[in-house]
Amino acid sequence: MSIAYSRPDVEVTAVDASAAALQVARENAQRLAVDNVGFVQSDWFAALGAQRFELIVSNPPYIAQDDIHLTQGDVRFEPLSALTSGVDGLDDLCRIIHAAPNFLMPDGWILLEHGYDQAEKVRDLLVEHGFTQVFSEKDLAGIERVTGGKLATSI
């Protein structure tokens, strides 16, 4: 929603597997008078057909299933499916990176939020799947939390 709000000149497609999460997003869009976003209920790319994007931005589940932080603070009240992604927390990140070249335009970009200890692995995965100019950015605490790259050629 932040991207759509900040960039009214672009079309945004918001995707979530959760109908409830999409309803909250729709309500936020209405409250903020954001009209440049469409909503699709989908398991990642499954319902997007042949659509292609200039930019894919994702904040997927990335916490390891046995991470101690899941029993602390506010995350205790969140659905585990929104937080965890396999033994090492990388299952959904791997799925997204693997499929993204099929949904990006040539020279399109991907940006992925990930866990505090996953930047190197995410960079490696992006390179393995044909992304260039791969980089990671630090959050306000100085921890690499977002990694991205550019798809140099079409599939």
C-alpha atoms as a PDB file:
ATOM      1  CA  MET A   1       0.000   0.000   0.000  1.00  0.00           C
ATOM      2  CA  SER A   2       2.907   2.324   0.724  1.00  0.00           C
ATOM      3  CA  ILE A   3       4.204   2.025  -2.822  1.00  0.00           C
ATOM      4  CA  ALA A   4       0.792   2.688  -4.350  1.00  0.00           C
ATOM      5  CA  TYR A   5       0.267   5.651  -2.028  1.00  0.00           C
ATOM      6  CA  SER A   6       3.718   7.111  -2.713  1.00  0.00           C
ATOM      7  CA  ARG A   7       3.580   6.495  -6.462  1.00  0.00           C
ATOM      8  CA  PRO A   8       0.098   7.300  -7.777  1.00  0.00           C
ATOM      9  CA  ASP A   9       1.582   7.229 -11.305  1.00  0.00           C
ATOM     10  CA  VAL A  10       2.141   3.439 -11.243  1.00  0.00           C
ATOM     11  CA  GLU A  11      -0.212   0.466 -11.183  1.00  0.00           C
ATOM     12  CA  VAL A  12       0.302  -1.871  -8.227  1.00  0.00           C
ATOM     13  CA  THR A  13      -0.913  -5.445  -7.918  1.00  0.00           C
ATOM     14  CA  ALA A  14      -1.189  -6.623  -4.316  1.00  0.00           C
ATOM     15  CA  VAL A  15      -1.099 -10.401  -3.883  1.00  0.00           C
ATOM     16  CA  ASP A  16      -1.827 -12.430  -0.774  1.00  0.00           C
ATOM     17  CA  ALA A  17      -3.026 -15.951  -0.115  1.00  0.00           C
ATOM     18  CA  SER A  18      -5.190 -14.698   2.742  1.00  0.00           C
ATOM     19  CA  ALA A  19      -8.616 -13.297   1.892  1.00  0.00           C
ATOM     20  CA  ALA A  20      -8.677 -11.612   5.304  1.00  0.00           C
ATOM     21  CA  ALA A  21      -5.344  -9.873   4.680  1.00  0.00           C
ATOM     22  CA  LEU A  22      -6.573  -8.665   1.294  1.00  0.00           C
ATOM     23  CA  GLN A  23      -9.730  -7.290   2.884  1.00  0.00           C
ATOM     24  CA  VAL A  24      -7.641  -5.279   5.349  1.00  0.00           C
ATOM     25  CA  ALA A  25      -5.541  -4.011   2.433  1.00  0.00           C
ATOM     26  CA  ARG A  26      -8.678  -3.007   0.504  1.00  0.00           C
ATOM     27  CA  GLU A  27      -9.959  -1.117   3.546  1.00  0.00           C
ATOM     28  CA  ASN A  28      -6.601   0.635   3.902  1.00  0.00           C
ATOM     29  CA  ALA A  29      -6.677   1.594   0.217  1.00  0.00           C
ATOM     30  CA  GLN A  30     -10.151   3.034   0.607  1.00  0.00           C
ATOM     31  CA  ARG A  31      -9.214   4.905   3.792  1.00  0.00           C
ATOM     32  CA  LEU A  32      -6.125   6.376   2.106  1.00  0.00           C
ATOM     33  CA  ALA A  33      -7.968   7.093  -1.172  1.00  0.00           C
ATOM     34  CA  VAL A  34      -5.519   4.916  -3.089  1.00  0.00           C
ATOM     35  CA  ASP A  35      -7.032   3.872  -6.407  1.00  0.00           C
ATOM     36  CA  ASN A  36      -4.010   2.563  -8.316  1.00  0.00           C
ATOM     37  CA  VAL A  37      -3.864  -0.874  -6.697  1.00  0.00           C
ATOM     38  CA  GLY A  38      -5.563  -4.114  -7.667  1.00  0.00           C
ATOM     39  CA  PHE A  39      -5.945  -7.052  -5.306  1.00  0.00           C
ATOM     40  CA  VAL A  40      -5.416 -10.711  -6.193  1.00  0.00           C
ATOM     41  CA  GLN A  41      -5.872 -13.663  -3.889  1.00  0.00           C
ATOM     42  CA  SER A  42      -3.113 -16.047  -4.876  1.00  0.00           C
ATOM     43  CA  ASP A  43      -0.476 -18.391  -3.596  1.00  0.00           C
ATOM     44  CA  TRP A  44       2.416 -16.235  -4.765  1.00  0.00           C
ATOM     45  CA  PHE A  45       2.267 -16.157  -8.582  1.00  0.00           C
ATOM     46  CA  ALA A  46      -0.329 -18.914  -9.113  1.00  0.00           C
ATOM     47  CA  ALA A  47      -3.258 -16.655 -10.085  1.00  0.00           C
ATOM     48  CA  LEU A  48      -1.284 -14.071 -12.076  1.00  0.00           C
ATOM     49  CA  GLY A  49      -1.395 -15.881 -15.407  1.00  0.00           C
ATOM     50  CA  ALA A  50       0.878 -14.301 -17.988  1.00  0.00           C
ATOM     51  CA  GLN A  51       1.221 -10.943 -16.237  1.00  0.00           C
ATOM     52  CA  ARG A  52       4.690  -9.417 -16.155  1.00  0.00           C
ATOM     53  CA  PHE A  53       5.961  -6.697 -13.870  1.00  0.00           C
ATOM     54  CA  GLU A  54       8.744  -4.133 -13.867  1.00  0.00           C
ATOM     55  CA  LEU A  55       9.210  -4.618 -10.132  1.00  0.00           C
ATOM     56  CA  ILE A  56       8.328  -7.344  -7.651  1.00  0.00           C
ATOM     57  CA  VAL A  57       8.452  -6.416  -3.976  1.00  0.00           C
ATOM     58  CA  SER A  58       7.805  -9.063  -1.350  1.00  0.00           C
ATOM     59  CA  ASN A  59       7.715  -9.382   2.402  1.00  0.00           C
ATOM     60  CA  PRO A  60       7.160 -13.143   2.610  1.00  0.00           C
ATOM     61  CA  PRO A  61       7.254 -15.365   5.672  1.00  0.00           C
ATOM     62  CA  TYR A  62      10.948 -15.913   6.441  1.00  0.00           C
ATOM     63  CA  ILE A  63      11.256 -17.050  10.050  1.00  0.00           C
ATOM     64  CA  ALA A  64      12.584 -20.550  10.745  1.00  0.00           C
ATOM     65  CA  GLN A  65       9.840 -22.776  12.116  1.00  0.00           C
ATOM     66  CA  ASP A  66      11.584 -23.329  15.478  1.00  0.00           C
ATOM     67  CA  ASP A  67      12.806 -19.741  16.004  1.00  0.00           C
ATOM     68  CA  ILE A  68      12.496 -18.732  19.674  1.00  0.00           C
ATOM     69  CA  HIS A  69      11.198 -15.287  18.676  1.00  0.00           C
ATOM     70  CA  LEU A  70       7.889 -16.872  17.636  1.00  0.00           C
ATOM     71  CA  THR A  71       7.016 -17.290  21.316  1.00  0.00           C
ATOM     72  CA  GLN A  72       7.752 -13.671  22.245  1.00  0.00           C
ATOM     73  CA  GLY A  73       6.143 -10.277  21.760  1.00  0.00           C
ATOM     74  CA  ASP A  74       3.388  -9.429  19.318  1.00  0.00           C
ATOM     75  CA  VAL A  75       4.239 -12.197  16.832  1.00  0.00           C
ATOM     76  CA  ARG A  76       2.656 -14.694  19.232  1.00  0.00           C
ATOM     77  CA  PHE A  77      -0.714 -13.447  17.972  1.00  0.00           C
ATOM     78  CA  GLU A  78       0.051 -13.664  14.247  1.00  0.00           C
ATOM     79  CA  PRO A  79      -0.823 -16.720  12.141  1.00  0.00           C
ATOM     80  CA  LEU A  80       2.271 -18.906  11.752  1.00  0.00           C
ATOM     81  CA  SER A  81       1.656 -19.106   8.006  1.00  0.00           C
ATOM     82  CA  ALA A  82       2.365 -15.366   7.811  1.00  0.00           C
ATOM     83  CA  LEU A  83       5.665 -15.740   9.662  1.00  0.00           C
ATOM     84  CA  THR A  84       7.347 -19.106   9.152  1.00  0.00           C
ATOM     85  CA  SER A  85       8.660 -20.745   6.023  1.00  0.00           C
ATOM     86  CA  GLY A  86      10.291 -24.109   6.581  1.00  0.00           C
ATOM     87  CA  VAL A  87      13.135 -25.294   8.733  1.00  0.00           C
ATOM     88  CA  ASP A  88      15.479 -22.418   7.808  1.00  0.00           C
ATOM     89  CA  GLY A  89      12.828 -19.839   6.917  1.00  0.00           C
ATOM     90  CA  LEU A  90      13.849 -19.784   3.254  1.00  0.00           C
ATOM     91  CA  ASP A  91      11.155 -21.953   1.623  1.00  0.00           C
ATOM     92  CA  ASP A  92       8.964 -19.093   0.378  1.00  0.00           C
ATOM     93  CA  LEU A  93      11.931 -16.921  -0.575  1.00  0.00           C
ATOM     94  CA  CYS A  94      13.222 -19.811  -2.709  1.00  0.00           C
ATOM     95  CA  ARG A  95       9.811 -20.249  -4.367  1.00  0.00           C
ATOM     96  CA  ILE A  96       9.549 -16.538  -5.162  1.00  0.00           C
ATOM     97  CA  ILE A  97      13.077 -16.252  -6.533  1.00  0.00           C
ATOM     98  CA  HIS A  98      12.652 -19.397  -8.634  1.00  0.00           C
ATOM     99  CA  ALA A  99       9.392 -18.189 -10.209  1.00  0.00           C
ATOM    100  CA  ALA A 100      10.099 -14.450 -10.448  1.00  0.00           C
ATOM    101  CA  PRO A 101      11.940 -14.538 -13.814  1.00  0.00           C
ATOM    102  CA  ASN A 102       8.693 -15.808 -15.391  1.00  0.00           C
ATOM    103  CA  PHE A 103       6.814 -12.739 -14.102  1.00  0.00           C
ATOM    104  CA  LEU A 104       9.386  -9.991 -14.578  1.00  0.00           C
ATOM    105  CA  MET A 105       9.888  -7.955 -17.707  1.00  0.00           C
ATOM    106  CA  PRO A 106      13.420  -7.918 -19.103  1.00  0.00           C
ATOM    107  CA  ASP A 107      15.521  -5.675 -16.883  1.00  0.00           C
ATOM    108  CA  GLY A 108      12.881  -5.944 -14.150  1.00  0.00           C
ATOM    109  CA  TRP A 109      13.823  -5.817 -10.496  1.00  0.00           C
ATOM    110  CA  ILE A 110      12.979  -7.834  -7.402  1.00  0.00           C
ATOM    111  CA  LEU A 111      13.236  -6.666  -3.784  1.00  0.00           C
ATOM    112  CA  LEU A 112      12.792  -9.129  -0.924  1.00  0.00           C
ATOM    113  CA  GLU A 113      12.583  -8.607   2.805  1.00  0.00           C
ATOM    114  CA  HIS A 114      14.240 -11.429   4.743  1.00  0.00           C
ATOM    115  CA  GLY A 115      15.541 -12.420   8.149  1.00  0.00           C
ATOM    116  CA  TYR A 116      18.507 -10.892   9.912  1.00  0.00           C
ATOM    117  CA  ASP A 117      20.773 -13.821   8.979  1.00  0.00           C
ATOM    118  CA  GLN A 118      19.547 -14.605   5.437  1.00  0.00           C
ATOM    119  CA  ALA A 119      21.057 -11.866   3.231  1.00  0.00           C
ATOM    120  CA  GLU A 120      23.978 -13.904   1.928  1.00  0.00           C
ATOM    121  CA  LYS A 121      21.797 -16.889   1.057  1.00  0.00           C
ATOM    122  CA  VAL A 122      19.211 -14.675  -0.673  1.00  0.00           C
ATOM    123  CA  ARG A 123      21.969 -12.971  -2.693  1.00  0.00           C
ATOM    124  CA  ASP A 124      23.296 -16.392  -3.710  1.00  0.00           C
ATOM    125  CA  LEU A 125      19.811 -17.544  -4.752  1.00  0.00           C
ATOM    126  CA  LEU A 126      19.268 -14.447  -6.867  1.00  0.00           C
ATOM    127  CA  VAL A 127      22.578 -14.918  -8.672  1.00  0.00           C
ATOM    128  CA  GLU A 128      21.778 -18.619  -9.243  1.00  0.00           C
ATOM    129  CA  HIS A 129      18.502 -17.608 -10.919  1.00  0.00           C
ATOM    130  CA  GLY A 130      19.976 -15.113 -13.362  1.00  0.00           C
ATOM    131  CA  PHE A 131      19.783 -11.848 -11.436  1.00  0.00           C
ATOM    132  CA  THR A 132      22.516  -9.249 -11.701  1.00  0.00           C
ATOM    133  CA  GLN A 133      23.377  -6.117  -9.739  1.00  0.00           C
ATOM    134  CA  VAL A 134      22.453  -8.092  -6.633  1.00  0.00           C
ATOM    135  CA  PHE A 135      22.673  -6.084  -3.420  1.00  0.00           C
ATOM    136  CA  SER A 136      21.485  -5.980   0.174  1.00  0.00           C
ATOM    137  CA  GLU A 137      20.394  -2.947   2.190  1.00  0.00           C
ATOM    138  CA  LYS A 138      20.558  -2.471   5.936  1.00  0.00           C
ATOM    139  CA  ASP A 139      17.666  -1.514   8.183  1.00  0.00           C
ATOM    140  CA  LEU A 140      17.850   1.248  10.796  1.00  0.00           C
ATOM    141  CA  ALA A 141      19.607  -1.159  13.172  1.00  0.00           C
ATOM    142  CA  GLY A 142      22.354  -1.770  10.608  1.00  0.00           C
ATOM    143  CA  ILE A 143      21.184  -5.306   9.730  1.00  0.00           C
ATOM    144  CA  GLU A 144      20.910  -6.447   6.103  1.00  0.00           C
ATOM    145  CA  ARG A 145      17.138  -6.979   5.757  1.00  0.00           C
ATOM    146  CA  VAL A 146      16.301  -6.315   2.090  1.00  0.00           C
ATOM    147  CA  THR A 147      18.001  -7.916  -0.882  1.00  0.00           C
ATOM    148  CA  GLY A 148      17.341  -7.317  -4.543  1.00  0.00           C
ATOM    149  CA  GLY A 149      18.543  -7.771  -8.050  1.00  0.00           C
ATOM    150  CA  LYS A 150      17.861  -7.082 -11.690  1.00  0.00           C
ATOM    151  CA  LEU A 151      16.764  -9.649 -14.243  1.00  0.00           C
ATOM    152  CA  ALA A 152      19.121  -9.010 -17.114  1.00  0.00           C
ATOM    153  CA  THR A 153      17.346 -11.001 -19.818  1.00  0.00           C
ATOM    154  CA  SER A 154      13.943 -12.488 -20.481  1.00  0.00           C
ATOM    155  CA  ILE A 155      13.214 -16.180 -20.036  1.00  0.00           C
END
